[in-house]
Amino acid sequence: MTTAHSYANDRNISYICKALGNPTRMQILRYVNSHPNCIGNDILLHMPQDGPHAQSTISQHLRILCKAGLLDSQDDGPAVCYRVNADCVEWLRAQLAELQ
């Protein structure tokens, strides 16, 4: 029987996985993971040639990753710095490990 707690966990897992379901967002997450406190413009400059090259597109992907809890953002004057939310990634890892 499904409990309310497990249903909420399942919804969170689904939401996070949906955010990760886009290859561009995976590229962004990997970049931010290897460059903590990077600025959104840095991400745009380091996207692969076949990736998006519009700031508005990158910003939209960053918003989705932040809303899913995978990234934390902090204003640094006119720029926004991003960092991977290690707690969220670890939580997801633990939830997926329970499927074994």
N, C-alpha and C. Protein backbone atom coordinates (compact mmCIF):
# COMPACT_ATOMS: atom_id res chain seq x y z
N MET A 1 0.84 -1.18 0.00
CA MET A 1 0.00 0.00 0.00
C MET A 1 0.89 1.24 0.00
N THR A 2 0.54 2.22 -0.78
CA THR A 2 1.31 3.45 -0.88
C THR A 2 0.91 4.41 0.24
N THR A 3 1.90 4.94 0.91
CA THR A 3 1.63 5.91 1.97
C THR A 3 1.76 7.31 1.41
N ALA A 4 1.25 8.28 2.14
CA ALA A 4 1.36 9.68 1.69
C ALA A 4 2.82 10.08 1.58
N HIS A 5 3.63 9.59 2.52
CA HIS A 5 5.06 9.93 2.50
C HIS A 5 5.73 9.40 1.23
N SER A 6 5.48 8.17 0.89
CA SER A 6 6.13 7.60 -0.30
C SER A 6 5.59 8.25 -1.58
N TYR A 7 4.31 8.63 -1.57
CA TYR A 7 3.74 9.31 -2.73
C TYR A 7 4.43 10.66 -2.93
N ALA A 8 4.65 11.38 -1.84
CA ALA A 8 5.34 12.67 -1.93
C ALA A 8 6.76 12.46 -2.44
N ASN A 9 7.45 11.43 -1.94
CA ASN A 9 8.79 11.12 -2.42
C ASN A 9 8.76 10.79 -3.91
N ASP A 10 7.78 10.00 -4.32
CA ASP A 10 7.68 9.62 -5.73
C ASP A 10 7.45 10.85 -6.61
N ARG A 11 6.65 11.78 -6.13
CA ARG A 11 6.41 13.02 -6.89
C ARG A 11 7.70 13.82 -7.01
N ASN A 12 8.46 13.91 -5.91
CA ASN A 12 9.73 14.65 -5.94
C ASN A 12 10.73 13.99 -6.88
N ILE A 13 10.81 12.66 -6.79
CA ILE A 13 11.72 11.93 -7.68
C ILE A 13 11.34 12.18 -9.13
N SER A 14 10.06 12.08 -9.42
CA SER A 14 9.58 12.29 -10.79
C SER A 14 9.91 13.70 -11.29
N TYR A 15 9.71 14.69 -10.44
CA TYR A 15 9.98 16.07 -10.81
C TYR A 15 11.45 16.29 -11.10
N ILE A 16 12.30 15.75 -10.24
CA ILE A 16 13.75 15.90 -10.42
C ILE A 16 14.19 15.17 -11.69
N CYS A 17 13.70 13.96 -11.89
CA CYS A 17 14.08 13.19 -13.09
C CYS A 17 13.61 13.89 -14.36
N LYS A 18 12.45 14.53 -14.30
CA LYS A 18 11.98 15.28 -15.46
C LYS A 18 12.94 16.43 -15.77
N ALA A 19 13.41 17.09 -14.72
CA ALA A 19 14.38 18.18 -14.92
C ALA A 19 15.67 17.65 -15.52
N LEU A 20 16.06 16.44 -15.13
CA LEU A 20 17.30 15.84 -15.64
C LEU A 20 17.10 15.20 -17.02
N GLY A 21 15.87 15.11 -17.46
CA GLY A 21 15.56 14.43 -18.71
C GLY A 21 15.97 15.18 -19.97
N ASN A 22 16.49 16.36 -19.82
CA ASN A 22 16.92 17.16 -20.96
C ASN A 22 18.45 17.15 -21.01
N PRO A 23 19.05 16.74 -22.13
CA PRO A 23 20.51 16.66 -22.20
C PRO A 23 21.21 17.99 -21.91
N THR A 24 20.61 19.08 -22.29
CA THR A 24 21.22 20.39 -22.03
C THR A 24 21.29 20.64 -20.54
N ARG A 25 20.24 20.28 -19.81
CA ARG A 25 20.26 20.48 -18.37
C ARG A 25 21.29 19.58 -17.70
N MET A 26 21.48 18.39 -18.23
CA MET A 26 22.54 17.52 -17.70
C MET A 26 23.90 18.16 -17.93
N GLN A 27 24.12 18.74 -19.11
CA GLN A 27 25.38 19.41 -19.40
C GLN A 27 25.60 20.58 -18.44
N ILE A 28 24.55 21.33 -18.20
CA ILE A 28 24.65 22.47 -17.28
C ILE A 28 24.98 21.98 -15.88
N LEU A 29 24.28 20.94 -15.43
CA LEU A 29 24.52 20.40 -14.09
C LEU A 29 25.95 19.91 -13.95
N ARG A 30 26.46 19.22 -14.97
CA ARG A 30 27.85 18.75 -14.93
C ARG A 30 28.83 19.93 -14.90
N TYR A 31 28.55 20.96 -15.68
CA TYR A 31 29.43 22.12 -15.70
C TYR A 31 29.45 22.80 -14.33
N VAL A 32 28.27 23.03 -13.76
CA VAL A 32 28.20 23.70 -12.46
C VAL A 32 28.86 22.84 -11.39
N ASN A 33 28.70 21.53 -11.47
CA ASN A 33 29.32 20.65 -10.50
C ASN A 33 30.85 20.78 -10.52
N SER A 34 31.41 20.95 -11.70
CA SER A 34 32.87 21.06 -11.80
C SER A 34 33.36 22.51 -11.67
N HIS A 35 32.44 23.47 -11.62
CA HIS A 35 32.79 24.89 -11.47
C HIS A 35 31.85 25.53 -10.44
N PRO A 36 32.01 25.18 -9.15
CA PRO A 36 31.12 25.76 -8.13
C PRO A 36 31.20 27.29 -8.14
N ASN A 37 30.08 27.90 -7.84
CA ASN A 37 29.95 29.36 -7.82
C ASN A 37 30.15 30.00 -9.17
N CYS A 38 29.89 29.24 -10.24
CA CYS A 38 30.01 29.84 -11.57
C CYS A 38 28.84 30.78 -11.82
N ILE A 39 29.00 31.65 -12.76
CA ILE A 39 27.99 32.63 -13.12
C ILE A 39 27.31 32.16 -14.40
N GLY A 40 26.03 32.45 -14.52
CA GLY A 40 25.24 32.00 -15.66
C GLY A 40 25.90 32.28 -17.00
N ASN A 41 26.54 33.43 -17.14
CA ASN A 41 27.21 33.76 -18.41
C ASN A 41 28.36 32.80 -18.71
N ASP A 42 29.05 32.32 -17.66
CA ASP A 42 30.12 31.35 -17.85
C ASP A 42 29.57 30.06 -18.46
N ILE A 43 28.41 29.66 -17.97
CA ILE A 43 27.79 28.43 -18.47
C ILE A 43 27.52 28.57 -19.96
N LEU A 44 26.97 29.69 -20.35
CA LEU A 44 26.66 29.93 -21.76
C LEU A 44 27.92 29.83 -22.62
N LEU A 45 29.01 30.38 -22.15
CA LEU A 45 30.26 30.38 -22.92
C LEU A 45 30.87 28.99 -23.06
N HIS A 46 30.53 28.08 -22.16
CA HIS A 46 31.15 26.76 -22.17
C HIS A 46 30.23 25.64 -22.65
N MET A 47 29.11 26.02 -23.24
CA MET A 47 28.23 24.99 -23.79
C MET A 47 28.86 24.42 -25.06
N PRO A 48 28.67 23.13 -25.31
CA PRO A 48 29.22 22.53 -26.54
C PRO A 48 28.64 23.20 -27.77
N GLN A 49 29.33 23.04 -28.88
CA GLN A 49 28.90 23.67 -30.14
C GLN A 49 27.46 23.31 -30.51
N ASP A 50 27.05 22.08 -30.20
CA ASP A 50 25.70 21.68 -30.57
C ASP A 50 24.68 22.02 -29.48
N GLY A 51 25.10 22.73 -28.44
CA GLY A 51 24.20 23.12 -27.36
C GLY A 51 23.57 24.47 -27.64
N PRO A 52 22.67 24.90 -26.76
CA PRO A 52 22.01 26.20 -26.95
C PRO A 52 23.00 27.34 -26.73
N HIS A 53 22.80 28.40 -27.45
CA HIS A 53 23.71 29.54 -27.34
C HIS A 53 22.97 30.85 -27.14
N ALA A 54 21.77 30.76 -26.61
CA ALA A 54 21.01 31.97 -26.27
C ALA A 54 20.92 32.06 -24.75
N GLN A 55 21.21 33.23 -24.23
CA GLN A 55 21.17 33.43 -22.78
C GLN A 55 19.79 33.11 -22.22
N SER A 56 18.74 33.46 -22.95
CA SER A 56 17.39 33.20 -22.46
C SER A 56 17.12 31.70 -22.32
N THR A 57 17.67 30.90 -23.23
CA THR A 57 17.49 29.45 -23.17
C THR A 57 18.24 28.88 -21.97
N ILE A 58 19.47 29.31 -21.77
CA ILE A 58 20.25 28.85 -20.62
C ILE A 58 19.55 29.27 -19.33
N SER A 59 19.06 30.48 -19.27
CA SER A 59 18.37 30.97 -18.08
C SER A 59 17.15 30.12 -17.77
N GLN A 60 16.42 29.73 -18.79
CA GLN A 60 15.24 28.89 -18.58
C GLN A 60 15.66 27.52 -18.01
N HIS A 61 16.71 26.93 -18.55
CA HIS A 61 17.20 25.65 -18.04
C HIS A 61 17.67 25.80 -16.59
N LEU A 62 18.35 26.89 -16.29
CA LEU A 62 18.82 27.13 -14.92
C LEU A 62 17.64 27.26 -13.96
N ARG A 63 16.58 27.95 -14.38
CA ARG A 63 15.39 28.08 -13.54
C ARG A 63 14.77 26.72 -13.23
N ILE A 64 14.70 25.86 -14.23
CA ILE A 64 14.12 24.53 -14.04
C ILE A 64 14.97 23.72 -13.06
N LEU A 65 16.28 23.77 -13.23
CA LEU A 65 17.17 23.04 -12.32
C LEU A 65 17.08 23.57 -10.89
N CYS A 66 16.96 24.87 -10.74
CA CYS A 66 16.81 25.46 -9.41
C CYS A 66 15.47 25.08 -8.79
N LYS A 67 14.41 25.15 -9.58
CA LYS A 67 13.08 24.81 -9.08
C LYS A 67 13.00 23.35 -8.65
N ALA A 68 13.72 22.48 -9.34
CA ALA A 68 13.76 21.06 -8.99
C ALA A 68 14.63 20.82 -7.76
N GLY A 69 15.37 21.83 -7.33
CA GLY A 69 16.22 21.70 -6.15
C GLY A 69 17.62 21.20 -6.45
N LEU A 70 17.94 21.01 -7.72
CA LEU A 70 19.25 20.48 -8.09
C LEU A 70 20.35 21.54 -8.03
N LEU A 71 19.98 22.79 -8.22
CA LEU A 71 20.94 23.89 -8.15
C LEU A 71 20.48 24.90 -7.12
N ASP A 72 21.43 25.51 -6.46
CA ASP A 72 21.18 26.66 -5.60
C ASP A 72 21.73 27.87 -6.33
N SER A 73 21.07 29.00 -6.16
CA SER A 73 21.56 30.23 -6.79
C SER A 73 21.70 31.31 -5.73
N GLN A 74 22.65 32.19 -5.99
CA GLN A 74 22.90 33.30 -5.08
C GLN A 74 23.25 34.52 -5.92
N ASP A 75 22.56 35.62 -5.63
CA ASP A 75 22.86 36.86 -6.34
C ASP A 75 24.22 37.38 -5.92
N ASP A 76 24.99 37.80 -6.91
CA ASP A 76 26.30 38.39 -6.68
C ASP A 76 26.35 39.67 -7.49
N GLY A 77 25.71 40.70 -6.95
CA GLY A 77 25.56 41.94 -7.70
C GLY A 77 24.63 41.69 -8.87
N PRO A 78 25.03 42.09 -10.07
CA PRO A 78 24.17 41.88 -11.23
C PRO A 78 24.19 40.44 -11.76
N ALA A 79 25.12 39.64 -11.26
CA ALA A 79 25.26 38.26 -11.72
C ALA A 79 24.59 37.31 -10.72
N VAL A 80 24.36 36.09 -11.17
CA VAL A 80 23.84 35.03 -10.32
C VAL A 80 24.84 33.88 -10.34
N CYS A 81 25.24 33.45 -9.15
CA CYS A 81 26.18 32.33 -9.03
C CYS A 81 25.39 31.06 -8.74
N TYR A 82 25.85 29.96 -9.31
CA TYR A 82 25.16 28.68 -9.17
C TYR A 82 26.07 27.65 -8.54
N ARG A 83 25.44 26.75 -7.79
CA ARG A 83 26.14 25.65 -7.14
C ARG A 83 25.19 24.45 -7.11
N VAL A 84 25.73 23.25 -7.30
CA VAL A 84 24.93 22.04 -7.22
C VAL A 84 24.49 21.86 -5.77
N ASN A 85 23.22 21.53 -5.58
CA ASN A 85 22.69 21.25 -4.25
C ASN A 85 23.01 19.80 -3.93
N ALA A 86 24.12 19.59 -3.22
CA ALA A 86 24.60 18.24 -2.91
C ALA A 86 23.58 17.45 -2.11
N ASP A 87 22.82 18.11 -1.25
CA ASP A 87 21.81 17.40 -0.46
C ASP A 87 20.73 16.80 -1.36
N CYS A 88 20.31 17.56 -2.35
CA CYS A 88 19.29 17.06 -3.28
C CYS A 88 19.82 15.89 -4.09
N VAL A 89 21.04 16.01 -4.59
CA VAL A 89 21.63 14.94 -5.39
C VAL A 89 21.80 13.68 -4.54
N GLU A 90 22.23 13.84 -3.31
CA GLU A 90 22.40 12.69 -2.43
C GLU A 90 21.05 12.06 -2.09
N TRP A 91 20.04 12.87 -1.87
CA TRP A 91 18.70 12.36 -1.60
C TRP A 91 18.20 11.54 -2.79
N LEU A 92 18.38 12.08 -3.98
CA LEU A 92 17.95 11.36 -5.19
C LEU A 92 18.72 10.05 -5.32
N ARG A 93 20.00 10.10 -5.09
CA ARG A 93 20.83 8.87 -5.15
C ARG A 93 20.30 7.83 -4.17
N ALA A 94 19.98 8.23 -2.97
CA ALA A 94 19.46 7.30 -1.96
C ALA A 94 18.10 6.72 -2.37
N GLN A 95 17.25 7.60 -2.91
CA GLN A 95 15.93 7.12 -3.35
C GLN A 95 16.05 6.10 -4.47
N LEU A 96 16.93 6.36 -5.41
CA LEU A 96 17.11 5.44 -6.53
C LEU A 96 17.78 4.15 -6.10
N ALA A 97 18.64 4.23 -5.08
CA ALA A 97 19.30 3.03 -4.57
C ALA A 97 18.29 2.06 -3.96
N GLU A 98 17.18 2.59 -3.45
CA GLU A 98 16.15 1.73 -2.87
C GLU A 98 15.44 0.87 -3.91
N LEU A 99 15.62 1.18 -5.17
CA LEU A 99 14.99 0.39 -6.24
C LEU A 99 15.70 -0.91 -6.51
N GLN A 100 16.89 -1.09 -5.97
CA GLN A 100 17.66 -2.32 -6.21
C GLN A 100 17.09 -3.48 -5.46
